[in-house]
């Protein structure tokens, strides 16, 4: 039924030639926007799970190595005596350099910096220690030392994720409205071009629903053609971005790899675009023919 010969020569309309390209561009943008939402949400969920039940204590560097070791021992004594602390682990210098590398790079210059000592602390999520009280005891034991539960950093990420989601939804809404307006324009133009043929079909007994089916089938074909092309272009772009992100080795970049479920959600977009084009054309034809009657 989709590829049967049409009574109306809609395939020769010059006004409809740009519609598949426009739909392809719209689906391309919508796929990128949806993929951005999926990647951001998954990255934040992974960071949230990784930071749950963890805090980091920073001990400032000391000029004298002996004094530095004494400061670390004093901080460890405070931590082990704090209720809610399950375990502590002092990071060595190589681990600290690896954490700082995404921010300040590597090289011999890092070795010349007075790097602080970092202590990874696992806490009981059900009854974590009071961070303000812990920071006060740490500052009394070793001035300049403090504990961080990373919540401020994670809250900033959550705010960023919310902004990304709002922007993506705005893009998808704008894309949908643009596609609808384009289909309405093409359909009305086609009705005007083939007005004499449509009047002849009416004289022969054809109803408005028959005319609408001809236009909606034509719009469905154009929507599928453009939507699938836009999806293929978006898939190639996302695959290239994922490959570049893996090759860069930047630890701060989120994982751009999409799961099979993510690809399934993206594959719905070209189908939704084609369905939107089909129903928009149908409603446009029916409403226009009613006014012309």
Foldseek 3Di string as FASTA:
>chain_A
DLPDDFPAPLVPDPLCPCLLQLLLVLLLLLLVLLLVLVLLVVQLVVVCVVLQQKKKKWAFFDPDPVVLVVLVVLLVVLQVPFPFWDDKDKDDPVVQQVVCCLPPNDDPVVVVDRGIIMMMIGGDNVDHTDQVVSQVSSCVRHNPMGMGSCVVVSVVSVVVSVVSNVVSVVSNVVSLVVSLVSLLVSLVVSCVVCVVVVVVVVVVPDDLQSVLQSSLSVLLVSLLSSNVSSLVVSVVVLVVVQVVVVVVPNPPDTRSDDDPVSNVVSVVSSVVRSVSSSVSSSVSSVVVVVVVD
